[in-house]
Amino acid sequence: MDVNEAIRFKRAVREFKNEKLTDDEIRTILKAGRRAQSSKNSQPWHFIAIQEHGKLEQLSKLGTFAGHLAGAALGVAIITPHPDERFSIMFDAGQAAAYMQLAAWELGVGSCLATIYEPDQARQLLGFPEDLHLRIAISFGYPADESQITQAPQGNGRMAFNEIIHWDTW
């Protein structure tokens, strides 16, 4: 994989084919998250890999813009200690999410992040311990529109380089 190409072309995919991922693809995606760097190698995460359609549909209702989970072949709930425990926990979880999404992209699998706004309901649904939390889940699946994996950036949706980069001071 060309990393710069992946960064440039990876898009959020919210509509998926009704097709299962292979066990090898699922393991590749999950292994990438497990291998993500974290503060002091603390690895402050657990992943719940969800393939059961009913659970994905229920989870999709626990976030305002999480509907794409309902159509996914795989959902991954990133379970962490409470973010107030240490500033870097959500940054670390984000890196695990990014690693999984890039691994998926290389396999031709689309993905999209979902913010979970009902963590207590998510706990009831997924059965994780009281001292852990769910704020982010990711949907994975083969894109309904296969061109989304290789589609060039559209329009002018990004801020210009000089608008966001500051050298040495603001």
N, C-alpha and C. Protein backbone atom coordinates (compact mmCIF):
# COMPACT_ATOMS: atom_id res chain seq x y z
N MET A 1 0.85 -1.18 0.00
CA MET A 1 0.00 0.00 0.00
C MET A 1 0.89 1.23 0.00
N ASP A 2 0.52 2.18 -0.80
CA ASP A 2 1.16 3.49 -0.79
C ASP A 2 0.41 4.33 0.24
N VAL A 3 1.05 4.68 1.34
CA VAL A 3 0.38 5.37 2.44
C VAL A 3 -0.17 6.71 2.00
N ASN A 4 0.59 7.49 1.24
CA ASN A 4 0.10 8.78 0.77
C ASN A 4 -1.14 8.63 -0.11
N GLU A 5 -1.15 7.60 -0.92
CA GLU A 5 -2.33 7.34 -1.75
C GLU A 5 -3.53 6.99 -0.87
N ALA A 6 -3.31 6.16 0.13
CA ALA A 6 -4.40 5.80 1.04
C ALA A 6 -4.95 7.02 1.75
N ILE A 7 -4.08 7.88 2.23
CA ILE A 7 -4.52 9.10 2.92
C ILE A 7 -5.32 9.99 1.97
N ARG A 8 -4.86 10.09 0.74
CA ARG A 8 -5.51 10.98 -0.23
C ARG A 8 -6.86 10.44 -0.70
N PHE A 9 -6.97 9.13 -0.89
CA PHE A 9 -8.16 8.56 -1.50
C PHE A 9 -9.18 7.96 -0.53
N LYS A 10 -8.81 7.65 0.68
CA LYS A 10 -9.75 7.01 1.59
C LYS A 10 -10.93 7.93 1.88
N ARG A 11 -12.11 7.40 1.73
CA ARG A 11 -13.34 8.15 1.96
C ARG A 11 -14.21 7.38 2.95
N ALA A 12 -15.08 8.10 3.63
CA ALA A 12 -16.08 7.45 4.47
C ALA A 12 -17.08 6.75 3.54
N VAL A 13 -17.35 5.49 3.83
CA VAL A 13 -18.32 4.70 3.08
C VAL A 13 -19.46 4.37 4.03
N ARG A 14 -20.68 4.77 3.66
CA ARG A 14 -21.83 4.59 4.54
C ARG A 14 -22.87 3.62 3.98
N GLU A 15 -22.67 3.18 2.75
CA GLU A 15 -23.61 2.23 2.14
C GLU A 15 -22.82 1.04 1.65
N PHE A 16 -23.29 -0.13 2.07
CA PHE A 16 -22.53 -1.36 1.83
C PHE A 16 -23.35 -2.39 1.06
N LYS A 17 -22.63 -3.27 0.37
CA LYS A 17 -23.26 -4.43 -0.25
C LYS A 17 -23.72 -5.37 0.86
N ASN A 18 -24.73 -6.15 0.58
CA ASN A 18 -25.20 -7.15 1.53
C ASN A 18 -24.36 -8.41 1.33
N GLU A 19 -23.11 -8.33 1.75
CA GLU A 19 -22.14 -9.41 1.54
C GLU A 19 -21.21 -9.48 2.73
N LYS A 20 -20.98 -10.69 3.22
CA LYS A 20 -20.10 -10.87 4.38
C LYS A 20 -18.64 -10.65 4.01
N LEU A 21 -17.87 -10.19 4.97
CA LEU A 21 -16.41 -10.14 4.82
C LEU A 21 -15.87 -11.53 5.13
N THR A 22 -14.70 -11.84 4.59
CA THR A 22 -14.09 -13.13 4.90
C THR A 22 -13.47 -13.08 6.30
N ASP A 23 -13.29 -14.23 6.89
CA ASP A 23 -12.64 -14.30 8.21
C ASP A 23 -11.25 -13.68 8.15
N ASP A 24 -10.51 -13.91 7.05
CA ASP A 24 -9.17 -13.33 6.93
C ASP A 24 -9.23 -11.81 6.88
N GLU A 25 -10.20 -11.26 6.17
CA GLU A 25 -10.34 -9.80 6.11
C GLU A 25 -10.65 -9.23 7.50
N ILE A 26 -11.56 -9.87 8.19
CA ILE A 26 -11.93 -9.40 9.54
C ILE A 26 -10.72 -9.45 10.46
N ARG A 27 -9.99 -10.53 10.42
CA ARG A 27 -8.79 -10.65 11.28
C ARG A 27 -7.72 -9.62 10.91
N THR A 28 -7.55 -9.37 9.63
CA THR A 28 -6.57 -8.37 9.18
C THR A 28 -6.94 -7.00 9.73
N ILE A 29 -8.21 -6.64 9.64
CA ILE A 29 -8.69 -5.35 10.15
C ILE A 29 -8.48 -5.25 11.66
N LEU A 30 -8.88 -6.27 12.39
CA LEU A 30 -8.75 -6.25 13.86
C LEU A 30 -7.29 -6.26 14.31
N LYS A 31 -6.45 -7.02 13.61
CA LYS A 31 -5.03 -7.04 13.94
C LYS A 31 -4.40 -5.66 13.75
N ALA A 32 -4.83 -4.94 12.72
CA ALA A 32 -4.29 -3.60 12.49
C ALA A 32 -4.62 -2.70 13.68
N GLY A 33 -5.84 -2.77 14.20
CA GLY A 33 -6.20 -1.98 15.37
C GLY A 33 -5.39 -2.38 16.59
N ARG A 34 -5.18 -3.66 16.76
CA ARG A 34 -4.39 -4.16 17.90
C ARG A 34 -2.95 -3.69 17.84
N ARG A 35 -2.44 -3.49 16.63
CA ARG A 35 -1.04 -3.10 16.45
C ARG A 35 -0.84 -1.57 16.49
N ALA A 36 -1.91 -0.81 16.63
CA ALA A 36 -1.79 0.65 16.63
C ALA A 36 -0.91 1.11 17.78
N GLN A 37 -0.23 2.22 17.56
CA GLN A 37 0.59 2.79 18.63
C GLN A 37 -0.33 3.42 19.67
N SER A 38 0.16 3.47 20.90
CA SER A 38 -0.61 4.10 21.98
C SER A 38 0.38 4.70 22.98
N SER A 39 -0.12 5.64 23.74
CA SER A 39 0.71 6.31 24.74
C SER A 39 1.33 5.29 25.69
N LYS A 40 2.64 5.31 25.76
CA LYS A 40 3.41 4.41 26.63
C LYS A 40 3.05 2.93 26.40
N ASN A 41 2.63 2.62 25.17
CA ASN A 41 2.22 1.26 24.80
C ASN A 41 1.14 0.71 25.73
N SER A 42 0.27 1.60 26.20
CA SER A 42 -0.76 1.20 27.16
C SER A 42 -1.88 0.38 26.54
N GLN A 43 -2.09 0.50 25.22
CA GLN A 43 -3.12 -0.25 24.51
C GLN A 43 -4.45 -0.20 25.27
N PRO A 44 -5.01 1.00 25.47
CA PRO A 44 -6.19 1.14 26.33
C PRO A 44 -7.50 0.80 25.64
N TRP A 45 -7.56 -0.32 24.95
CA TRP A 45 -8.74 -0.66 24.17
C TRP A 45 -9.05 -2.14 24.21
N HIS A 46 -10.28 -2.41 23.96
CA HIS A 46 -10.79 -3.74 23.61
C HIS A 46 -11.67 -3.49 22.40
N PHE A 47 -11.80 -4.48 21.55
CA PHE A 47 -12.66 -4.35 20.38
C PHE A 47 -13.74 -5.42 20.45
N ILE A 48 -14.97 -5.03 20.22
CA ILE A 48 -16.06 -6.00 20.07
C ILE A 48 -16.39 -6.02 18.59
N ALA A 49 -16.12 -7.16 17.96
CA ALA A 49 -16.40 -7.35 16.53
C ALA A 49 -17.83 -7.88 16.41
N ILE A 50 -18.68 -7.11 15.76
CA ILE A 50 -20.11 -7.42 15.69
C ILE A 50 -20.48 -7.74 14.24
N GLN A 51 -21.00 -8.94 14.04
CA GLN A 51 -21.46 -9.35 12.71
C GLN A 51 -22.96 -9.61 12.70
N GLU A 52 -23.54 -9.77 13.86
CA GLU A 52 -24.97 -10.07 13.98
C GLU A 52 -25.78 -8.84 13.56
N HIS A 53 -26.59 -9.01 12.52
CA HIS A 53 -27.34 -7.89 11.94
C HIS A 53 -28.22 -7.18 12.97
N GLY A 54 -28.90 -7.95 13.82
CA GLY A 54 -29.78 -7.34 14.82
C GLY A 54 -29.04 -6.43 15.78
N LYS A 55 -27.87 -6.86 16.21
CA LYS A 55 -27.05 -6.03 17.12
C LYS A 55 -26.55 -4.78 16.40
N LEU A 56 -26.13 -4.94 15.16
CA LEU A 56 -25.67 -3.77 14.39
C LEU A 56 -26.80 -2.76 14.22
N GLU A 57 -27.99 -3.26 13.96
CA GLU A 57 -29.14 -2.37 13.79
C GLU A 57 -29.45 -1.63 15.10
N GLN A 58 -29.41 -2.35 16.22
CA GLN A 58 -29.66 -1.71 17.52
C GLN A 58 -28.57 -0.67 17.84
N LEU A 59 -27.32 -1.02 17.59
CA LEU A 59 -26.21 -0.11 17.85
C LEU A 59 -26.35 1.15 16.97
N SER A 60 -26.83 0.99 15.76
CA SER A 60 -26.97 2.12 14.84
C SER A 60 -27.94 3.17 15.37
N LYS A 61 -28.81 2.80 16.27
CA LYS A 61 -29.79 3.72 16.84
C LYS A 61 -29.27 4.47 18.06
N LEU A 62 -28.03 4.18 18.46
CA LEU A 62 -27.46 4.80 19.66
C LEU A 62 -26.55 5.98 19.35
N GLY A 63 -26.54 6.39 18.10
CA GLY A 63 -25.78 7.57 17.67
C GLY A 63 -26.58 8.33 16.63
N THR A 64 -26.51 9.63 16.68
CA THR A 64 -27.30 10.47 15.78
C THR A 64 -27.03 10.17 14.31
N PHE A 65 -25.80 9.95 13.93
CA PHE A 65 -25.45 9.69 12.54
C PHE A 65 -24.81 8.31 12.39
N ALA A 66 -25.29 7.33 13.15
CA ALA A 66 -24.70 6.00 13.16
C ALA A 66 -25.49 4.99 12.33
N GLY A 67 -26.43 5.46 11.53
CA GLY A 67 -27.30 4.57 10.76
C GLY A 67 -26.57 3.60 9.85
N HIS A 68 -25.38 3.99 9.39
CA HIS A 68 -24.60 3.13 8.49
C HIS A 68 -24.20 1.81 9.14
N LEU A 69 -24.18 1.76 10.47
CA LEU A 69 -23.85 0.50 11.15
C LEU A 69 -24.86 -0.60 10.81
N ALA A 70 -26.12 -0.22 10.61
CA ALA A 70 -27.17 -1.20 10.35
C ALA A 70 -26.93 -1.99 9.07
N GLY A 71 -26.27 -1.40 8.09
CA GLY A 71 -26.02 -2.09 6.82
C GLY A 71 -24.64 -2.67 6.68
N ALA A 72 -23.85 -2.60 7.74
CA ALA A 72 -22.45 -3.06 7.67
C ALA A 72 -22.35 -4.58 7.77
N ALA A 73 -21.29 -5.11 7.19
CA ALA A 73 -20.98 -6.53 7.35
C ALA A 73 -20.31 -6.77 8.69
N LEU A 74 -19.63 -5.74 9.18
CA LEU A 74 -18.90 -5.82 10.45
C LEU A 74 -18.96 -4.46 11.13
N GLY A 75 -19.25 -4.48 12.40
CA GLY A 75 -19.12 -3.28 13.22
C GLY A 75 -18.07 -3.56 14.27
N VAL A 76 -17.25 -2.58 14.56
CA VAL A 76 -16.25 -2.74 15.62
C VAL A 76 -16.49 -1.64 16.65
N ALA A 77 -16.83 -2.07 17.85
CA ALA A 77 -17.00 -1.14 18.97
C ALA A 77 -15.65 -1.04 19.67
N ILE A 78 -15.17 0.19 19.82
CA ILE A 78 -13.88 0.42 20.49
C ILE A 78 -14.18 0.75 21.96
N ILE A 79 -13.84 -0.17 22.83
CA ILE A 79 -14.15 -0.07 24.25
C ILE A 79 -12.89 0.41 24.97
N THR A 80 -13.03 1.47 25.78
CA THR A 80 -11.87 2.05 26.48
C THR A 80 -12.21 2.35 27.93
N PRO A 81 -11.19 2.61 28.75
CA PRO A 81 -11.46 3.20 30.06
C PRO A 81 -12.12 4.57 29.84
N HIS A 82 -12.66 5.14 30.88
CA HIS A 82 -13.32 6.44 30.74
C HIS A 82 -12.30 7.47 30.25
N PRO A 83 -12.66 8.27 29.25
CA PRO A 83 -11.73 9.25 28.68
C PRO A 83 -11.20 10.26 29.70
N ASP A 84 -11.93 10.51 30.77
CA ASP A 84 -11.45 11.45 31.80
C ASP A 84 -10.27 10.89 32.58
N GLU A 85 -10.05 9.58 32.49
CA GLU A 85 -8.96 8.94 33.22
C GLU A 85 -7.59 9.42 32.76
N ARG A 86 -7.47 9.61 31.45
CA ARG A 86 -6.19 10.05 30.88
C ARG A 86 -6.47 10.70 29.53
N PHE A 87 -5.90 11.84 29.30
CA PHE A 87 -6.16 12.61 28.09
C PHE A 87 -5.94 11.78 26.82
N SER A 88 -4.94 10.94 26.81
CA SER A 88 -4.54 10.25 25.58
C SER A 88 -5.44 9.08 25.20
N ILE A 89 -6.37 8.68 26.04
CA ILE A 89 -7.18 7.48 25.75
C ILE A 89 -7.93 7.62 24.43
N MET A 90 -8.61 8.72 24.21
CA MET A 90 -9.38 8.86 22.98
C MET A 90 -8.46 9.05 21.77
N PHE A 91 -7.33 9.68 21.97
CA PHE A 91 -6.35 9.79 20.88
C PHE A 91 -5.87 8.40 20.49
N ASP A 92 -5.55 7.58 21.48
CA ASP A 92 -5.10 6.21 21.22
C ASP A 92 -6.19 5.41 20.51
N ALA A 93 -7.44 5.53 20.98
CA ALA A 93 -8.55 4.83 20.34
C ALA A 93 -8.70 5.29 18.89
N GLY A 94 -8.48 6.58 18.65
CA GLY A 94 -8.56 7.11 17.30
C GLY A 94 -7.49 6.53 16.40
N GLN A 95 -6.31 6.32 16.96
CA GLN A 95 -5.24 5.71 16.15
C GLN A 95 -5.59 4.26 15.81
N ALA A 96 -6.15 3.54 16.77
CA ALA A 96 -6.57 2.16 16.49
C ALA A 96 -7.64 2.16 15.39
N ALA A 97 -8.57 3.11 15.47
CA ALA A 97 -9.62 3.21 14.45
C ALA A 97 -9.00 3.50 13.07
N ALA A 98 -8.06 4.44 13.02
CA ALA A 98 -7.43 4.80 11.76
C ALA A 98 -6.67 3.61 11.17
N TYR A 99 -5.94 2.88 12.00
CA TYR A 99 -5.21 1.72 11.51
C TYR A 99 -6.17 0.69 10.91
N MET A 100 -7.29 0.43 11.60
CA MET A 100 -8.26 -0.53 11.08
C MET A 100 -8.85 -0.05 9.77
N GLN A 101 -9.17 1.25 9.68
CA GLN A 101 -9.76 1.78 8.46
C GLN A 101 -8.79 1.72 7.28
N LEU A 102 -7.52 1.99 7.53
CA LEU A 102 -6.53 1.91 6.45
C LEU A 102 -6.31 0.47 6.00
N ALA A 103 -6.28 -0.46 6.95
CA ALA A 103 -6.14 -1.88 6.60
C ALA A 103 -7.35 -2.32 5.77
N ALA A 104 -8.53 -1.86 6.14
CA ALA A 104 -9.74 -2.21 5.40
C ALA A 104 -9.67 -1.64 3.98
N TRP A 105 -9.27 -0.38 3.87
CA TRP A 105 -9.18 0.28 2.56
C TRP A 105 -8.30 -0.53 1.62
N GLU A 106 -7.16 -0.99 2.14
CA GLU A 106 -6.25 -1.77 1.31
C GLU A 106 -6.90 -3.06 0.80
N LEU A 107 -7.85 -3.60 1.57
CA LEU A 107 -8.56 -4.82 1.18
C LEU A 107 -9.77 -4.55 0.29
N GLY A 108 -10.05 -3.27 0.00
CA GLY A 108 -11.23 -2.94 -0.77
C GLY A 108 -12.50 -2.88 0.07
N VAL A 109 -12.32 -2.74 1.37
CA VAL A 109 -13.43 -2.69 2.32
C VAL A 109 -13.61 -1.25 2.78
N GLY A 110 -14.82 -0.74 2.68
CA GLY A 110 -15.11 0.61 3.12
C GLY A 110 -15.41 0.66 4.60
N SER A 111 -15.38 1.89 5.16
CA SER A 111 -15.63 2.05 6.59
C SER A 111 -16.09 3.46 6.89
N CYS A 112 -16.67 3.61 8.08
CA CYS A 112 -17.09 4.93 8.55
C CYS A 112 -17.20 4.91 10.07
N LEU A 113 -16.75 5.98 10.70
CA LEU A 113 -16.86 6.11 12.15
C LEU A 113 -18.28 6.49 12.55
N ALA A 114 -18.68 6.03 13.72
CA ALA A 114 -19.97 6.40 14.30
C ALA A 114 -19.75 6.76 15.76
N THR A 115 -20.26 7.92 16.16
CA THR A 115 -20.20 8.32 17.57
C THR A 115 -21.40 7.72 18.28
N ILE A 116 -21.15 7.10 19.40
CA ILE A 116 -22.22 6.49 20.20
C ILE A 116 -22.57 7.45 21.33
N TYR A 117 -23.82 7.92 21.33
CA TYR A 117 -24.26 8.91 22.31
C TYR A 117 -25.02 8.30 23.49
N GLU A 118 -25.29 7.02 23.42
CA GLU A 118 -26.03 6.33 24.48
C GLU A 118 -25.16 5.19 25.04
N PRO A 119 -24.09 5.54 25.78
CA PRO A 119 -23.15 4.51 26.21
C PRO A 119 -23.75 3.47 27.17
N ASP A 120 -24.71 3.86 27.99
CA ASP A 120 -25.32 2.88 28.91
C ASP A 120 -26.15 1.85 28.14
N GLN A 121 -26.87 2.31 27.13
CA GLN A 121 -27.63 1.37 26.29
C GLN A 121 -26.68 0.47 25.50
N ALA A 122 -25.56 1.03 25.06
CA ALA A 122 -24.56 0.24 24.34
C ALA A 122 -23.99 -0.85 25.27
N ARG A 123 -23.77 -0.51 26.53
CA ARG A 123 -23.27 -1.49 27.50
C ARG A 123 -24.26 -2.64 27.66
N GLN A 124 -25.55 -2.30 27.77
CA GLN A 124 -26.58 -3.33 27.89
C GLN A 124 -26.60 -4.22 26.66
N LEU A 125 -26.47 -3.63 25.50
CA LEU A 125 -26.50 -4.37 24.24
C LEU A 125 -25.30 -5.29 24.08
N LEU A 126 -24.11 -4.79 24.42
CA LEU A 126 -22.87 -5.51 24.12
C LEU A 126 -22.24 -6.20 25.32
N GLY A 127 -22.69 -5.87 26.52
CA GLY A 127 -22.27 -6.60 27.72
C GLY A 127 -20.86 -6.32 28.20
N PHE A 128 -20.30 -5.16 27.92
CA PHE A 128 -18.95 -4.88 28.41
C PHE A 128 -19.01 -4.36 29.85
N PRO A 129 -17.90 -4.48 30.59
CA PRO A 129 -17.89 -4.15 32.02
C PRO A 129 -18.23 -2.69 32.33
N GLU A 130 -18.74 -2.46 33.52
CA GLU A 130 -19.16 -1.14 34.00
C GLU A 130 -18.04 -0.11 33.98
N ASP A 131 -16.79 -0.53 34.19
CA ASP A 131 -15.69 0.43 34.26
C ASP A 131 -15.14 0.81 32.89
N LEU A 132 -15.73 0.29 31.82
CA LEU A 132 -15.29 0.61 30.47
C LEU A 132 -16.38 1.36 29.73
N HIS A 133 -16.00 2.02 28.63
CA HIS A 133 -16.91 2.91 27.91
C HIS A 133 -16.82 2.70 26.41
N LEU A 134 -17.93 3.03 25.75
CA LEU A 134 -17.99 3.00 24.29
C LEU A 134 -18.41 4.38 23.81
N ARG A 135 -17.56 4.99 23.02
CA ARG A 135 -17.88 6.28 22.41
C ARG A 135 -17.82 6.20 20.89
N ILE A 136 -17.01 5.27 20.35
CA ILE A 136 -16.79 5.18 18.91
C ILE A 136 -16.98 3.74 18.43
N ALA A 137 -17.70 3.59 17.33
CA ALA A 137 -17.81 2.30 16.65
C ALA A 137 -17.51 2.58 15.16
N ILE A 138 -17.14 1.55 14.45
CA ILE A 138 -16.81 1.68 13.03
C ILE A 138 -17.61 0.65 12.25
N SER A 139 -18.20 1.08 11.14
CA SER A 139 -18.85 0.15 10.23
C SER A 139 -17.85 -0.24 9.15
N PHE A 140 -17.91 -1.51 8.73
CA PHE A 140 -17.05 -2.02 7.66
C PHE A 140 -17.91 -2.85 6.71
N GLY A 141 -17.58 -2.78 5.44
CA GLY A 141 -18.25 -3.61 4.44
C GLY A 141 -17.77 -3.25 3.05
N TYR A 142 -18.14 -4.10 2.10
CA TYR A 142 -17.81 -3.79 0.71
C TYR A 142 -18.71 -2.65 0.26
N PRO A 143 -18.15 -1.61 -0.31
CA PRO A 143 -18.96 -0.45 -0.72
C PRO A 143 -20.04 -0.83 -1.73
N ALA A 144 -21.24 -0.28 -1.54
CA ALA A 144 -22.30 -0.47 -2.53
C ALA A 144 -21.84 0.08 -3.87
N ASP A 145 -21.12 1.18 -3.83
CA ASP A 145 -20.52 1.79 -5.03
C ASP A 145 -19.01 1.55 -4.95
N GLU A 146 -18.52 0.57 -5.69
CA GLU A 146 -17.11 0.17 -5.60
C GLU A 146 -16.14 1.28 -5.96
N SER A 147 -16.58 2.27 -6.72
CA SER A 147 -15.67 3.36 -7.10
C SER A 147 -15.29 4.22 -5.90
N GLN A 148 -16.02 4.12 -4.80
CA GLN A 148 -15.69 4.93 -3.63
C GLN A 148 -14.32 4.60 -3.06
N ILE A 149 -13.84 3.39 -3.26
CA ILE A 149 -12.53 3.00 -2.74
C ILE A 149 -11.40 3.70 -3.49
N THR A 150 -11.61 3.98 -4.76
CA THR A 150 -10.53 4.58 -5.56
C THR A 150 -10.89 5.96 -6.11
N GLN A 151 -12.00 6.50 -5.69
CA GLN A 151 -12.46 7.80 -6.20
C GLN A 151 -11.53 8.93 -5.77
N ALA A 152 -11.14 9.74 -6.74
CA ALA A 152 -10.29 10.90 -6.45
C ALA A 152 -11.06 11.91 -5.60
N PRO A 153 -10.35 12.71 -4.82
CA PRO A 153 -11.01 13.74 -4.01
C PRO A 153 -11.90 14.63 -4.89
N GLN A 154 -13.08 14.94 -4.39
CA GLN A 154 -14.06 15.72 -5.14
C GLN A 154 -14.06 17.17 -4.66
N GLY A 155 -14.13 18.08 -5.59
CA GLY A 155 -14.33 19.49 -5.27
C GLY A 155 -13.24 20.08 -4.40
N ASN A 156 -13.63 21.06 -3.65
CA ASN A 156 -12.69 21.82 -2.84
C ASN A 156 -13.07 21.70 -1.36
N GLY A 157 -13.34 20.48 -0.89
CA GLY A 157 -13.85 20.27 0.46
C GLY A 157 -12.83 20.47 1.57
N ARG A 158 -11.58 20.57 1.28
CA ARG A 158 -10.54 20.73 2.30
C ARG A 158 -10.06 22.16 2.36
N MET A 159 -9.72 22.59 3.55
CA MET A 159 -9.14 23.92 3.70
C MET A 159 -7.77 23.92 3.01
N ALA A 160 -7.37 25.06 2.51
CA ALA A 160 -6.08 25.19 1.84
C ALA A 160 -4.95 24.99 2.85
N PHE A 161 -3.86 24.45 2.37
CA PHE A 161 -2.68 24.19 3.19
C PHE A 161 -2.31 25.41 4.02
N ASN A 162 -2.20 26.57 3.39
CA ASN A 162 -1.76 27.78 4.09
C ASN A 162 -2.79 28.33 5.07
N GLU A 163 -4.02 27.84 5.00
CA GLU A 163 -5.04 28.27 5.96
C GLU A 163 -4.91 27.54 7.30
N ILE A 164 -4.30 26.36 7.30
CA ILE A 164 -4.26 25.58 8.53
C ILE A 164 -2.86 25.31 9.06
N ILE A 165 -1.84 25.58 8.27
CA ILE A 165 -0.47 25.35 8.69
C ILE A 165 0.13 26.68 9.15
N HIS A 166 0.73 26.66 10.32
CA HIS A 166 1.42 27.83 10.87
C HIS A 166 2.85 27.41 11.17
N TRP A 167 3.80 28.22 10.78
CA TRP A 167 5.21 27.87 10.97
C TRP A 167 5.77 28.61 12.17
N ASP A 168 6.24 27.87 13.13
CA ASP A 168 6.95 28.35 14.33
C ASP A 168 6.06 29.13 15.30
N THR A 169 5.11 29.91 14.85
CA THR A 169 4.15 30.59 15.73
C THR A 169 2.84 30.68 14.98
N TRP A 170 1.78 31.14 15.63
CA TRP A 170 0.51 31.34 14.97
C TRP A 170 0.64 32.43 14.03
